[in-house]
Amino acid sequence: MSVRSEFEWYADWASDVSPLYERLARGAMDSPALLDMVADTPAGQPAPNLLLGAVHALLLDGAEHPLREYYPTCVDDPRDPDEGAPVEQFESFCLAHEGTIPDIASTRRVQTN
């Protein structure tokens, strides 16, 4: 399965679970730059989970960016993902951390059970 296909599958799954992650995954699947960031993830590890997890970890570690306004773990009153431009903010955040995100994604493991 291609990295883009992984994001498409994840977005379909997230549509019933997390409107924010669904939107971010759909945005990532159409962004060659974001797909490249997770192209070298370890075999058997889901690229969408690694990218979204790396971004969330950086936000939780205090990275300042307008994207954090969409995360309930970062602000008391998160923005609705249907408002504003979460996909554009996500891509902006990822590009600003393009030196860190691939390292996180390529060295971490996802536990999904």
PDB file of N, CA and C in Angstrom:
ATOM      1  N   MET A   1       0.854  -1.183   0.000  1.00  0.00           N
ATOM      2  CA  MET A   1       0.000   0.000   0.000  1.00  0.00           C
ATOM      3  C   MET A   1       0.896   1.241   0.000  1.00  0.00           C
ATOM      4  N   SER A   2       0.589   2.192  -0.840  1.00  0.00           N
ATOM      5  CA  SER A   2       1.376   3.423  -0.911  1.00  0.00           C
ATOM      6  C   SER A   2       1.098   4.293   0.321  1.00  0.00           C
ATOM      7  N   VAL A   3       2.008   5.210   0.589  1.00  0.00           N
ATOM      8  CA  VAL A   3       1.820   6.122   1.719  1.00  0.00           C
ATOM      9  C   VAL A   3       0.541   6.930   1.519  1.00  0.00           C
ATOM     10  N   ARG A   4       0.298   7.379   0.302  1.00  0.00           N
ATOM     11  CA  ARG A   4      -0.922   8.134   0.029  1.00  0.00           C
ATOM     12  C   ARG A   4      -2.160   7.292   0.321  1.00  0.00           C
ATOM     13  N   SER A   5      -2.134   6.028  -0.067  1.00  0.00           N
ATOM     14  CA  SER A   5      -3.260   5.129   0.202  1.00  0.00           C
ATOM     15  C   SER A   5      -3.463   4.915   1.698  1.00  0.00           C
ATOM     16  N   GLU A   6      -2.368   4.872   2.449  1.00  0.00           N
ATOM     17  CA  GLU A   6      -2.481   4.753   3.905  1.00  0.00           C
ATOM     18  C   GLU A   6      -3.237   5.950   4.476  1.00  0.00           C
ATOM     19  N   PHE A   7      -2.918   7.143   3.983  1.00  0.00           N
ATOM     20  CA  PHE A   7      -3.598   8.341   4.468  1.00  0.00           C
ATOM     21  C   PHE A   7      -5.069   8.346   4.057  1.00  0.00           C
ATOM     22  N   GLU A   8      -5.349   7.854   2.864  1.00  0.00           N
ATOM     23  CA  GLU A   8      -6.741   7.784   2.422  1.00  0.00           C
ATOM     24  C   GLU A   8      -7.539   6.822   3.307  1.00  0.00           C
ATOM     25  N   TRP A   9      -6.965   5.664   3.589  1.00  0.00           N
ATOM     26  CA  TRP A   9      -7.626   4.696   4.472  1.00  0.00           C
ATOM     27  C   TRP A   9      -7.843   5.306   5.853  1.00  0.00           C
ATOM     28  N   TYR A  10      -6.792   5.939   6.374  1.00  0.00           N
ATOM     29  CA  TYR A  10      -6.884   6.535   7.710  1.00  0.00           C
ATOM     30  C   TYR A  10      -7.961   7.621   7.747  1.00  0.00           C
ATOM     31  N   ALA A  11      -8.015   8.455   6.731  1.00  0.00           N
ATOM     32  CA  ALA A  11      -9.023   9.526   6.683  1.00  0.00           C
ATOM     33  C   ALA A  11     -10.429   8.938   6.679  1.00  0.00           C
ATOM     34  N   ASP A  12     -10.643   7.877   5.913  1.00  0.00           N
ATOM     35  CA  ASP A  12     -11.952   7.228   5.902  1.00  0.00           C
ATOM     36  C   ASP A  12     -12.293   6.689   7.285  1.00  0.00           C
ATOM     37  N   TRP A  13     -11.329   6.056   7.936  1.00  0.00           N
ATOM     38  CA  TRP A  13     -11.554   5.532   9.284  1.00  0.00           C
ATOM     39  C   TRP A  13     -11.836   6.661  10.271  1.00  0.00           C
ATOM     40  N   ALA A  14     -11.059   7.723  10.208  1.00  0.00           N
ATOM     41  CA  ALA A  14     -11.178   8.827  11.163  1.00  0.00           C
ATOM     42  C   ALA A  14     -12.463   9.623  11.000  1.00  0.00           C
ATOM     43  N   SER A  15     -13.133   9.490   9.870  1.00  0.00           N
ATOM     44  CA  SER A  15     -14.356  10.271   9.647  1.00  0.00           C
ATOM     45  C   SER A  15     -15.414   9.984  10.706  1.00  0.00           C
ATOM     46  N   ASP A  16     -15.389   8.801  11.289  1.00  0.00           N
ATOM     47  CA  ASP A  16     -16.338   8.453  12.342  1.00  0.00           C
ATOM     48  C   ASP A  16     -15.780   8.661  13.747  1.00  0.00           C
ATOM     49  N   VAL A  17     -14.505   8.989  13.838  1.00  0.00           N
ATOM     50  CA  VAL A  17     -13.837   9.045  15.131  1.00  0.00           C
ATOM     51  C   VAL A  17     -13.325  10.443  15.479  1.00  0.00           C
ATOM     52  N   SER A  18     -12.685  11.095  14.524  1.00  0.00           N
ATOM     53  CA  SER A  18     -12.049  12.383  14.784  1.00  0.00           C
ATOM     54  C   SER A  18     -12.145  13.270  13.542  1.00  0.00           C
ATOM     55  N   PRO A  19     -13.068  14.238  13.551  1.00  0.00           N
ATOM     56  CA  PRO A  19     -13.174  15.142  12.401  1.00  0.00           C
ATOM     57  C   PRO A  19     -11.861  15.876  12.105  1.00  0.00           C
ATOM     58  N   LEU A  20     -11.115  16.227  13.152  1.00  0.00           N
ATOM     59  CA  LEU A  20      -9.842  16.919  12.921  1.00  0.00           C
ATOM     60  C   LEU A  20      -8.864  16.005  12.192  1.00  0.00           C
ATOM     61  N   TYR A  21      -8.660  14.802  12.683  1.00  0.00           N
ATOM     62  CA  TYR A  21      -7.695  13.905  12.062  1.00  0.00           C
ATOM     63  C   TYR A  21      -8.146  13.481  10.665  1.00  0.00           C
ATOM     64  N   GLU A  22      -9.438  13.385  10.454  1.00  0.00           N
ATOM     65  CA  GLU A  22      -9.916  13.079   9.099  1.00  0.00           C
ATOM     66  C   GLU A  22      -9.489  14.179   8.129  1.00  0.00           C
ATOM     67  N   ARG A  23      -9.719  15.424   8.515  1.00  0.00           N
ATOM     68  CA  ARG A  23      -9.337  16.550   7.650  1.00  0.00           C
ATOM     69  C   ARG A  23      -7.833  16.610   7.442  1.00  0.00           C
ATOM     70  N   LEU A  24      -7.071  16.421   8.518  1.00  0.00           N
ATOM     71  CA  LEU A  24      -5.612  16.490   8.402  1.00  0.00           C
ATOM     72  C   LEU A  24      -5.080  15.365   7.520  1.00  0.00           C
ATOM     73  N   ALA A  25      -5.623  14.177   7.664  1.00  0.00           N
ATOM     74  CA  ALA A  25      -5.175  13.054   6.835  1.00  0.00           C
ATOM     75  C   ALA A  25      -5.509  13.290   5.365  1.00  0.00           C
ATOM     76  N   ARG A  26      -6.693  13.826   5.091  1.00  0.00           N
ATOM     77  CA  ARG A  26      -7.049  14.120   3.693  1.00  0.00           C
ATOM     78  C   ARG A  26      -6.124  15.201   3.120  1.00  0.00           C
ATOM     79  N   GLY A  27      -5.794  16.183   3.943  1.00  0.00           N
ATOM     80  CA  GLY A  27      -4.860  17.212   3.488  1.00  0.00           C
ATOM     81  C   GLY A  27      -3.477  16.643   3.238  1.00  0.00           C
ATOM     82  N   ALA A  28      -3.022  15.771   4.123  1.00  0.00           N
ATOM     83  CA  ALA A  28      -1.694  15.179   3.975  1.00  0.00           C
ATOM     84  C   ALA A  28      -1.604  14.307   2.730  1.00  0.00           C
ATOM     85  N   MET A  29      -2.684  13.602   2.423  1.00  0.00           N
ATOM     86  CA  MET A  29      -2.614  12.699   1.270  1.00  0.00           C
ATOM     87  C   MET A  29      -2.498  13.448  -0.050  1.00  0.00           C
ATOM     88  N   ASP A  30      -2.804  14.728  -0.041  1.00  0.00           N
ATOM     89  CA  ASP A  30      -2.677  15.554  -1.240  1.00  0.00           C
ATOM     90  C   ASP A  30      -1.451  16.465  -1.208  1.00  0.00           C
ATOM     91  N   SER A  31      -0.571  16.234  -0.232  1.00  0.00           N
ATOM     92  CA  SER A  31       0.621  17.055  -0.099  1.00  0.00           C
ATOM     93  C   SER A  31       1.880  16.206  -0.272  1.00  0.00           C
ATOM     94  N   PRO A  32       2.528  16.310  -1.428  1.00  0.00           N
ATOM     95  CA  PRO A  32       3.761  15.541  -1.629  1.00  0.00           C
ATOM     96  C   PRO A  32       4.799  15.806  -0.537  1.00  0.00           C
ATOM     97  N   ALA A  33       4.886  17.028  -0.057  1.00  0.00           N
ATOM     98  CA  ALA A  33       5.877  17.346   0.983  1.00  0.00           C
ATOM     99  C   ALA A  33       5.596  16.575   2.260  1.00  0.00           C
ATOM    100  N   LEU A  34       4.329  16.478   2.660  1.00  0.00           N
ATOM    101  CA  LEU A  34       3.989  15.752   3.884  1.00  0.00           C
ATOM    102  C   LEU A  34       4.156  14.252   3.694  1.00  0.00           C
ATOM    103  N   LEU A  35       3.770  13.747   2.540  1.00  0.00           N
ATOM    104  CA  LEU A  35       3.953  12.316   2.276  1.00  0.00           C
ATOM    105  C   LEU A  35       5.434  11.948   2.298  1.00  0.00           C
ATOM    106  N   ASP A  36       6.274  12.833   1.781  1.00  0.00           N
ATOM    107  CA  ASP A  36       7.719  12.580   1.789  1.00  0.00           C
ATOM    108  C   ASP A  36       8.276  12.514   3.206  1.00  0.00           C
ATOM    109  N   MET A  37       7.698  13.283   4.112  1.00  0.00           N
ATOM    110  CA  MET A  37       8.191  13.293   5.494  1.00  0.00           C
ATOM    111  C   MET A  37       8.069  11.935   6.164  1.00  0.00           C
ATOM    112  N   VAL A  38       7.100  11.148   5.750  1.00  0.00           N
ATOM    113  CA  VAL A  38       6.882   9.850   6.385  1.00  0.00           C
ATOM    114  C   VAL A  38       7.086   8.685   5.413  1.00  0.00           C
ATOM    115  N   ALA A  39       7.756   8.957   4.323  1.00  0.00           N
ATOM    116  CA  ALA A  39       7.995   7.920   3.312  1.00  0.00           C
ATOM    117  C   ALA A  39       8.945   6.835   3.813  1.00  0.00           C
ATOM    118  N   ASP A  40       9.776   7.146   4.790  1.00  0.00           N
ATOM    119  CA  ASP A  40      10.766   6.183   5.279  1.00  0.00           C
ATOM    120  C   ASP A  40      10.423   5.631   6.656  1.00  0.00           C
ATOM    121  N   THR A  41       9.140   5.528   6.954  1.00  0.00           N
ATOM    122  CA  THR A  41       8.748   4.969   8.241  1.00  0.00           C
ATOM    123  C   THR A  41       9.076   3.476   8.255  1.00  0.00           C
ATOM    124  N   PRO A  42       9.293   2.927   9.433  1.00  0.00           N
ATOM    125  CA  PRO A  42       9.620   1.495   9.507  1.00  0.00           C
ATOM    126  C   PRO A  42       8.517   0.622   8.907  1.00  0.00           C
ATOM    127  N   ALA A  43       8.916  -0.483   8.317  1.00  0.00           N
ATOM    128  CA  ALA A  43       7.954  -1.418   7.726  1.00  0.00           C
ATOM    129  C   ALA A  43       6.935  -1.842   8.769  1.00  0.00           C
ATOM    130  N   GLY A  44       5.695  -1.875   8.362  1.00  0.00           N
ATOM    131  CA  GLY A  44       4.625  -2.297   9.250  1.00  0.00           C
ATOM    132  C   GLY A  44       4.104  -1.213  10.171  1.00  0.00           C
ATOM    133  N   GLN A  45       4.682  -0.039  10.089  1.00  0.00           N
ATOM    134  CA  GLN A  45       4.238   1.075  10.929  1.00  0.00           C
ATOM    135  C   GLN A  45       3.389   2.027  10.087  1.00  0.00           C
ATOM    136  N   PRO A  46       2.212   2.421  10.583  1.00  0.00           N
ATOM    137  CA  PRO A  46       1.306   3.264   9.795  1.00  0.00           C
ATOM    138  C   PRO A  46       1.781   4.722   9.730  1.00  0.00           C
ATOM    139  N   ALA A  47       2.075   5.168   8.527  1.00  0.00           N
ATOM    140  CA  ALA A  47       2.578   6.530   8.319  1.00  0.00           C
ATOM    141  C   ALA A  47       1.636   7.603   8.860  1.00  0.00           C
ATOM    142  N   PRO A  48       0.309   7.496   8.673  1.00  0.00           N
ATOM    143  CA  PRO A  48      -0.566   8.548   9.206  1.00  0.00           C
ATOM    144  C   PRO A  48      -0.459   8.684  10.723  1.00  0.00           C
ATOM    145  N   ASN A  49      -0.452   7.551  11.422  1.00  0.00           N
ATOM    146  CA  ASN A  49      -0.347   7.595  12.876  1.00  0.00           C
ATOM    147  C   ASN A  49       0.976   8.224  13.312  1.00  0.00           C
ATOM    148  N   LEU A  50       2.039   7.891  12.588  1.00  0.00           N
ATOM    149  CA  LEU A  50       3.348   8.436  12.944  1.00  0.00           C
ATOM    150  C   LEU A  50       3.423   9.935  12.694  1.00  0.00           C
ATOM    151  N   LEU A  51       2.891  10.393  11.570  1.00  0.00           N
ATOM    152  CA  LEU A  51       2.910  11.834  11.290  1.00  0.00           C
ATOM    153  C   LEU A  51       2.043  12.594  12.300  1.00  0.00           C
ATOM    154  N   LEU A  52       0.817  12.135  12.485  1.00  0.00           N
ATOM    155  CA  LEU A  52      -0.074  12.817  13.419  1.00  0.00           C
ATOM    156  C   LEU A  52       0.459  12.746  14.843  1.00  0.00           C
ATOM    157  N   GLY A  53       1.045  11.620  15.203  1.00  0.00           N
ATOM    158  CA  GLY A  53       1.630  11.483  16.533  1.00  0.00           C
ATOM    159  C   GLY A  53       2.832  12.396  16.743  1.00  0.00           C
ATOM    160  N   ALA A  54       3.675  12.501  15.729  1.00  0.00           N
ATOM    161  CA  ALA A  54       4.846  13.386  15.833  1.00  0.00           C
ATOM    162  C   ALA A  54       4.412  14.837  16.008  1.00  0.00           C
ATOM    163  N   VAL A  55       3.418  15.258  15.228  1.00  0.00           N
ATOM    164  CA  VAL A  55       2.914  16.627  15.344  1.00  0.00           C
ATOM    165  C   VAL A  55       2.327  16.854  16.736  1.00  0.00           C
ATOM    166  N   HIS A  56       1.513  15.914  17.199  1.00  0.00           N
ATOM    167  CA  HIS A  56       0.885  16.069  18.510  1.00  0.00           C
ATOM    168  C   HIS A  56       1.944  16.119  19.613  1.00  0.00           C
ATOM    169  N   ALA A  57       2.959  15.268  19.509  1.00  0.00           N
ATOM    170  CA  ALA A  57       4.035  15.274  20.506  1.00  0.00           C
ATOM    171  C   ALA A  57       4.748  16.625  20.543  1.00  0.00           C
ATOM    172  N   LEU A  58       5.037  17.189  19.381  1.00  0.00           N
ATOM    173  CA  LEU A  58       5.701  18.495  19.344  1.00  0.00           C
ATOM    174  C   LEU A  58       4.811  19.582  19.949  1.00  0.00           C
ATOM    175  N   LEU A  59       3.518  19.524  19.662  1.00  0.00           N
ATOM    176  CA  LEU A  59       2.600  20.506  20.250  1.00  0.00           C
ATOM    177  C   LEU A  59       2.540  20.340  21.763  1.00  0.00           C
ATOM    178  N   LEU A  60       2.485  19.108  22.231  1.00  0.00           N
ATOM    179  CA  LEU A  60       2.448  18.865  23.681  1.00  0.00           C
ATOM    180  C   LEU A  60       3.747  19.297  24.356  1.00  0.00           C
ATOM    181  N   ASP A  61       4.849  19.235  23.603  1.00  0.00           N
ATOM    182  CA  ASP A  61       6.143  19.683  24.143  1.00  0.00           C
ATOM    183  C   ASP A  61       6.271  21.202  24.149  1.00  0.00           C
ATOM    184  N   GLY A  62       5.236  21.900  23.666  1.00  0.00           N
ATOM    185  CA  GLY A  62       5.229  23.353  23.752  1.00  0.00           C
ATOM    186  C   GLY A  62       5.479  24.103  22.470  1.00  0.00           C
ATOM    187  N   ALA A  63       5.542  23.416  21.349  1.00  0.00           N
ATOM    188  CA  ALA A  63       5.735  24.120  20.071  1.00  0.00           C
ATOM    189  C   ALA A  63       4.590  25.111  19.873  1.00  0.00           C
ATOM    190  N   GLU A  64       4.943  26.339  19.613  1.00  0.00           N
ATOM    191  CA  GLU A  64       3.947  27.391  19.408  1.00  0.00           C
ATOM    192  C   GLU A  64       3.601  27.497  17.933  1.00  0.00           C
ATOM    193  N   HIS A  65       2.312  27.395  17.656  1.00  0.00           N
ATOM    194  CA  HIS A  65       1.841  27.503  16.285  1.00  0.00           C
ATOM    195  C   HIS A  65       0.321  27.595  16.334  1.00  0.00           C
ATOM    196  N   PRO A  66      -0.305  28.293  15.419  1.00  0.00           N
ATOM    197  CA  PRO A  66      -1.772  28.372  15.412  1.00  0.00           C
ATOM    198  C   PRO A  66      -2.468  27.016  15.323  1.00  0.00           C
ATOM    199  N   LEU A  67      -1.780  25.990  14.849  1.00  0.00           N
ATOM    200  CA  LEU A  67      -2.374  24.654  14.774  1.00  0.00           C
ATOM    201  C   LEU A  67      -2.830  24.163  16.144  1.00  0.00           C
ATOM    202  N   ARG A  68      -2.113  24.535  17.190  1.00  0.00           N
ATOM    203  CA  ARG A  68      -2.444  24.044  18.528  1.00  0.00           C
ATOM    204  C   ARG A  68      -3.853  24.434  18.960  1.00  0.00           C
ATOM    205  N   GLU A  69      -4.428  25.457  18.338  1.00  0.00           N
ATOM    206  CA  GLU A  69      -5.786  25.889  18.686  1.00  0.00           C
ATOM    207  C   GLU A  69      -6.834  24.822  18.365  1.00  0.00           C
ATOM    208  N   TYR A  70      -6.496  23.822  17.554  1.00  0.00           N
ATOM    209  CA  TYR A  70      -7.435  22.767  17.174  1.00  0.00           C
ATOM    210  C   TYR A  70      -7.339  21.534  18.080  1.00  0.00           C
ATOM    211  N   TYR A  71      -6.364  21.497  18.969  1.00  0.00           N
ATOM    212  CA  TYR A  71      -6.112  20.312  19.783  1.00  0.00           C
ATOM    213  C   TYR A  71      -6.642  20.494  21.204  1.00  0.00           C
ATOM    214  N   PRO A  72      -7.614  19.654  21.620  1.00  0.00           N
ATOM    215  CA  PRO A  72      -8.163  19.782  22.973  1.00  0.00           C
ATOM    216  C   PRO A  72      -7.146  19.470  24.069  1.00  0.00           C
ATOM    217  N   THR A  73      -6.049  18.831  23.725  1.00  0.00           N
ATOM    218  CA  THR A  73      -5.004  18.574  24.713  1.00  0.00           C
ATOM    219  C   THR A  73      -4.064  19.762  24.883  1.00  0.00           C
ATOM    220  N   CYS A  74      -4.240  20.779  24.024  1.00  0.00           N
ATOM    221  CA  CYS A  74      -3.353  21.948  24.059  1.00  0.00           C
ATOM    222  C   CYS A  74      -4.062  23.225  24.500  1.00  0.00           C
ATOM    223  N   VAL A  75      -5.367  23.301  24.283  1.00  0.00           N
ATOM    224  CA  VAL A  75      -6.140  24.491  24.656  1.00  0.00           C
ATOM    225  C   VAL A  75      -7.449  24.052  25.309  1.00  0.00           C
ATOM    226  N   ASP A  76      -7.997  24.921  26.126  1.00  0.00           N
ATOM    227  CA  ASP A  76      -9.235  24.594  26.833  1.00  0.00           C
ATOM    228  C   ASP A  76     -10.459  24.576  25.921  1.00  0.00           C
ATOM    229  N   ASP A  77     -10.472  25.430  24.921  1.00  0.00           N
ATOM    230  CA  ASP A  77     -11.623  25.531  24.033  1.00  0.00           C
ATOM    231  C   ASP A  77     -11.142  25.403  22.585  1.00  0.00           C
ATOM    232  N   PRO A  78     -10.939  24.154  22.097  1.00  0.00           N
ATOM    233  CA  PRO A  78     -10.373  23.972  20.755  1.00  0.00           C
ATOM    234  C   PRO A  78     -11.313  24.448  19.657  1.00  0.00           C
ATOM    235  N   ARG A  79     -10.701  24.894  18.577  1.00  0.00           N
ATOM    236  CA  ARG A  79     -11.463  25.326  17.402  1.00  0.00           C
ATOM    237  C   ARG A  79     -12.085  24.122  16.719  1.00  0.00           C
ATOM    238  N   ASP A  80     -13.227  24.347  16.128  1.00  0.00           N
ATOM    239  CA  ASP A  80     -13.895  23.329  15.324  1.00  0.00           C
ATOM    240  C   ASP A  80     -13.077  23.139  14.045  1.00  0.00           C
ATOM    241  N   PRO A  81     -12.781  21.880  13.663  1.00  0.00           N
ATOM    242  CA  PRO A  81     -11.995  21.673  12.441  1.00  0.00           C
ATOM    243  C   PRO A  81     -12.693  22.133  11.173  1.00  0.00           C
ATOM    244  N   ASP A  82     -13.991  22.412  11.269  1.00  0.00           N
ATOM    245  CA  ASP A  82     -14.700  22.951  10.109  1.00  0.00           C
ATOM    246  C   ASP A  82     -14.536  24.461   9.994  1.00  0.00           C
ATOM    247  N   GLU A  83     -13.900  25.061  10.999  1.00  0.00           N
ATOM    248  CA  GLU A  83     -13.643  26.508  10.988  1.00  0.00           C
ATOM    249  C   GLU A  83     -12.174  26.762  10.676  1.00  0.00           C
ATOM    250  N   GLY A  84     -11.910  27.895  10.126  1.00  0.00           N
ATOM    251  CA  GLY A  84     -10.528  28.258   9.861  1.00  0.00           C
ATOM    252  C   GLY A  84      -9.892  27.372   8.810  1.00  0.00           C
ATOM    253  N   ALA A  85      -8.613  27.130   8.980  1.00  0.00           N
ATOM    254  CA  ALA A  85      -7.855  26.384   7.981  1.00  0.00           C
ATOM    255  C   ALA A  85      -6.927  25.370   8.658  1.00  0.00           C
ATOM    256  N   PRO A  86      -7.491  24.337   9.288  1.00  0.00           N
ATOM    257  CA  PRO A  86      -6.612  23.403   9.989  1.00  0.00           C
ATOM    258  C   PRO A  86      -5.633  22.677   9.076  1.00  0.00           C
ATOM    259  N   VAL A  87      -6.029  22.371   7.858  1.00  0.00           N
ATOM    260  CA  VAL A  87      -5.127  21.658   6.952  1.00  0.00           C
ATOM    261  C   VAL A  87      -3.940  22.544   6.581  1.00  0.00           C
ATOM    262  N   GLU A  88      -4.217  23.794   6.281  1.00  0.00           N
ATOM    263  CA  GLU A  88      -3.133  24.724   5.951  1.00  0.00           C
ATOM    264  C   GLU A  88      -2.221  24.938   7.158  1.00  0.00           C
ATOM    265  N   GLN A  89      -2.797  25.035   8.343  1.00  0.00           N
ATOM    266  CA  GLN A  89      -1.990  25.183   9.556  1.00  0.00           C
ATOM    267  C   GLN A  89      -1.150  23.934   9.810  1.00  0.00           C
ATOM    268  N   PHE A  90      -1.743  22.767   9.559  1.00  0.00           N
ATOM    269  CA  PHE A  90      -1.038  21.505   9.732  1.00  0.00           C
ATOM    270  C   PHE A  90       0.171  21.429   8.798  1.00  0.00           C
ATOM    271  N   GLU A  91      -0.050  21.750   7.531  1.00  0.00           N
ATOM    272  CA  GLU A  91       1.060  21.714   6.574  1.00  0.00           C
ATOM    273  C   GLU A  91       2.131  22.737   6.945  1.00  0.00           C
ATOM    274  N   SER A  92       1.709  23.916   7.354  1.00  0.00           N
ATOM    275  CA  SER A  92       2.654  24.947   7.776  1.00  0.00           C
ATOM    276  C   SER A  92       3.483  24.470   8.966  1.00  0.00           C
ATOM    277  N   PHE A  93       2.821  23.856   9.936  1.00  0.00           N
ATOM    278  CA  PHE A  93       3.520  23.343  11.115  1.00  0.00           C
ATOM    279  C   PHE A  93       4.521  22.264  10.712  1.00  0.00           C
ATOM    280  N   CYS A  94       4.060  21.324   9.896  1.00  0.00           N
ATOM    281  CA  CYS A  94       4.943  20.235   9.467  1.00  0.00           C
ATOM    282  C   CYS A  94       6.161  20.763   8.718  1.00  0.00           C
ATOM    283  N   LEU A  95       5.956  21.708   7.828  1.00  0.00           N
ATOM    284  CA  LEU A  95       7.079  22.265   7.071  1.00  0.00           C
ATOM    285  C   LEU A  95       8.034  23.030   7.981  1.00  0.00           C
ATOM    286  N   ALA A  96       7.494  23.681   9.002  1.00  0.00           N
ATOM    287  CA  ALA A  96       8.350  24.393   9.958  1.00  0.00           C
ATOM    288  C   ALA A  96       9.180  23.421  10.799  1.00  0.00           C
ATOM    289  N   HIS A  97       8.725  22.175  10.899  1.00  0.00           N
ATOM    290  CA  HIS A  97       9.423  21.159  11.692  1.00  0.00           C
ATOM    291  C   HIS A  97       9.899  19.995  10.816  1.00  0.00           C
ATOM    292  N   GLU A  98      10.191  20.299   9.545  1.00  0.00           N
ATOM    293  CA  GLU A  98      10.565  19.244   8.610  1.00  0.00           C
ATOM    294  C   GLU A  98      11.883  18.568   8.955  1.00  0.00           C
ATOM    295  N   GLY A  99      12.679  19.183   9.806  1.00  0.00           N
ATOM    296  CA  GLY A  99      13.917  18.542  10.244  1.00  0.00           C
ATOM    297  C   GLY A  99      13.700  17.588  11.403  1.00  0.00           C
ATOM    298  N   THR A 100      12.609  17.751  12.126  1.00  0.00           N
ATOM    299  CA  THR A 100      12.332  16.950  13.317  1.00  0.00           C
ATOM    300  C   THR A 100      11.327  15.839  13.053  1.00  0.00           C
ATOM    301  N   ILE A 101      10.270  16.135  12.330  1.00  0.00           N
ATOM    302  CA  ILE A 101       9.185  15.171  12.140  1.00  0.00           C
ATOM    303  C   ILE A 101       9.650  13.868  11.493  1.00  0.00           C
ATOM    304  N   PRO A 102      10.442  13.894  10.419  1.00  0.00           N
ATOM    305  CA  PRO A 102      10.881  12.616   9.845  1.00  0.00           C
ATOM    306  C   PRO A 102      11.703  11.773  10.828  1.00  0.00           C
ATOM    307  N   ASP A 103      12.511  12.436  11.667  1.00  0.00           N
ATOM    308  CA  ASP A 103      13.292  11.692  12.662  1.00  0.00           C
ATOM    309  C   ASP A 103      12.382  11.011  13.674  1.00  0.00           C
ATOM    310  N   ILE A 104      11.359  11.731  14.135  1.00  0.00           N
ATOM    311  CA  ILE A 104      10.406  11.142  15.077  1.00  0.00           C
ATOM    312  C   ILE A 104       9.672   9.984  14.407  1.00  0.00           C
ATOM    313  N   ALA A 105       9.162  10.223  13.209  1.00  0.00           N
ATOM    314  CA  ALA A 105       8.366   9.203  12.509  1.00  0.00           C
ATOM    315  C   ALA A 105       9.185   7.958  12.167  1.00  0.00           C
ATOM    316  N   SER A 106      10.449   8.115  11.919  1.00  0.00           N
ATOM    317  CA  SER A 106      11.249   6.958  11.519  1.00  0.00           C
ATOM    318  C   SER A 106      11.814   6.183  12.698  1.00  0.00           C
ATOM    319  N   THR A 107      11.701   6.726  13.897  1.00  0.00           N
ATOM    320  CA  THR A 107      12.294   6.044  15.064  1.00  0.00           C
ATOM    321  C   THR A 107      11.256   5.610  16.095  1.00  0.00           C
ATOM    322  N   ARG A 108      10.006   5.926  15.878  1.00  0.00           N
ATOM    323  CA  ARG A 108       8.961   5.564  16.845  1.00  0.00           C
ATOM    324  C   ARG A 108       8.154   4.388  16.326  1.00  0.00           C
ATOM    325  N   ARG A 109       7.444   3.763  17.245  1.00  0.00           N
ATOM    326  CA  ARG A 109       6.557   2.652  16.922  1.00  0.00           C
ATOM    327  C   ARG A 109       5.157   3.003  17.371  1.00  0.00           C
ATOM    328  N   VAL A 110       4.171   2.524  16.633  1.00  0.00           N
ATOM    329  CA  VAL A 110       2.768   2.779  16.949  1.00  0.00           C
ATOM    330  C   VAL A 110       2.192   1.538  17.614  1.00  0.00           C
ATOM    331  N   GLN A 111       1.505   1.735  18.735  1.00  0.00           N
ATOM    332  CA  GLN A 111       0.783   0.667  19.427  1.00  0.00           C
ATOM    333  C   GLN A 111      -0.695   1.016  19.342  1.00  0.00           C
ATOM    334  N   THR A 112      -1.478   0.263  18.597  1.00  0.00           N
ATOM    335  CA  THR A 112      -2.869   0.639  18.346  1.00  0.00           C
ATOM    336  C   THR A 112      -3.908  -0.252  19.007  1.00  0.00           C
ATOM    337  N   ASN A 113      -3.510  -1.196  19.864  1.00  0.00           N
ATOM    338  CA  ASN A 113      -4.548  -2.032  20.467  1.00  0.00           C
ATOM    339  C   ASN A 113      -4.922  -1.629  21.855  1.00  0.00           C
TER     340      ASN A 113
END
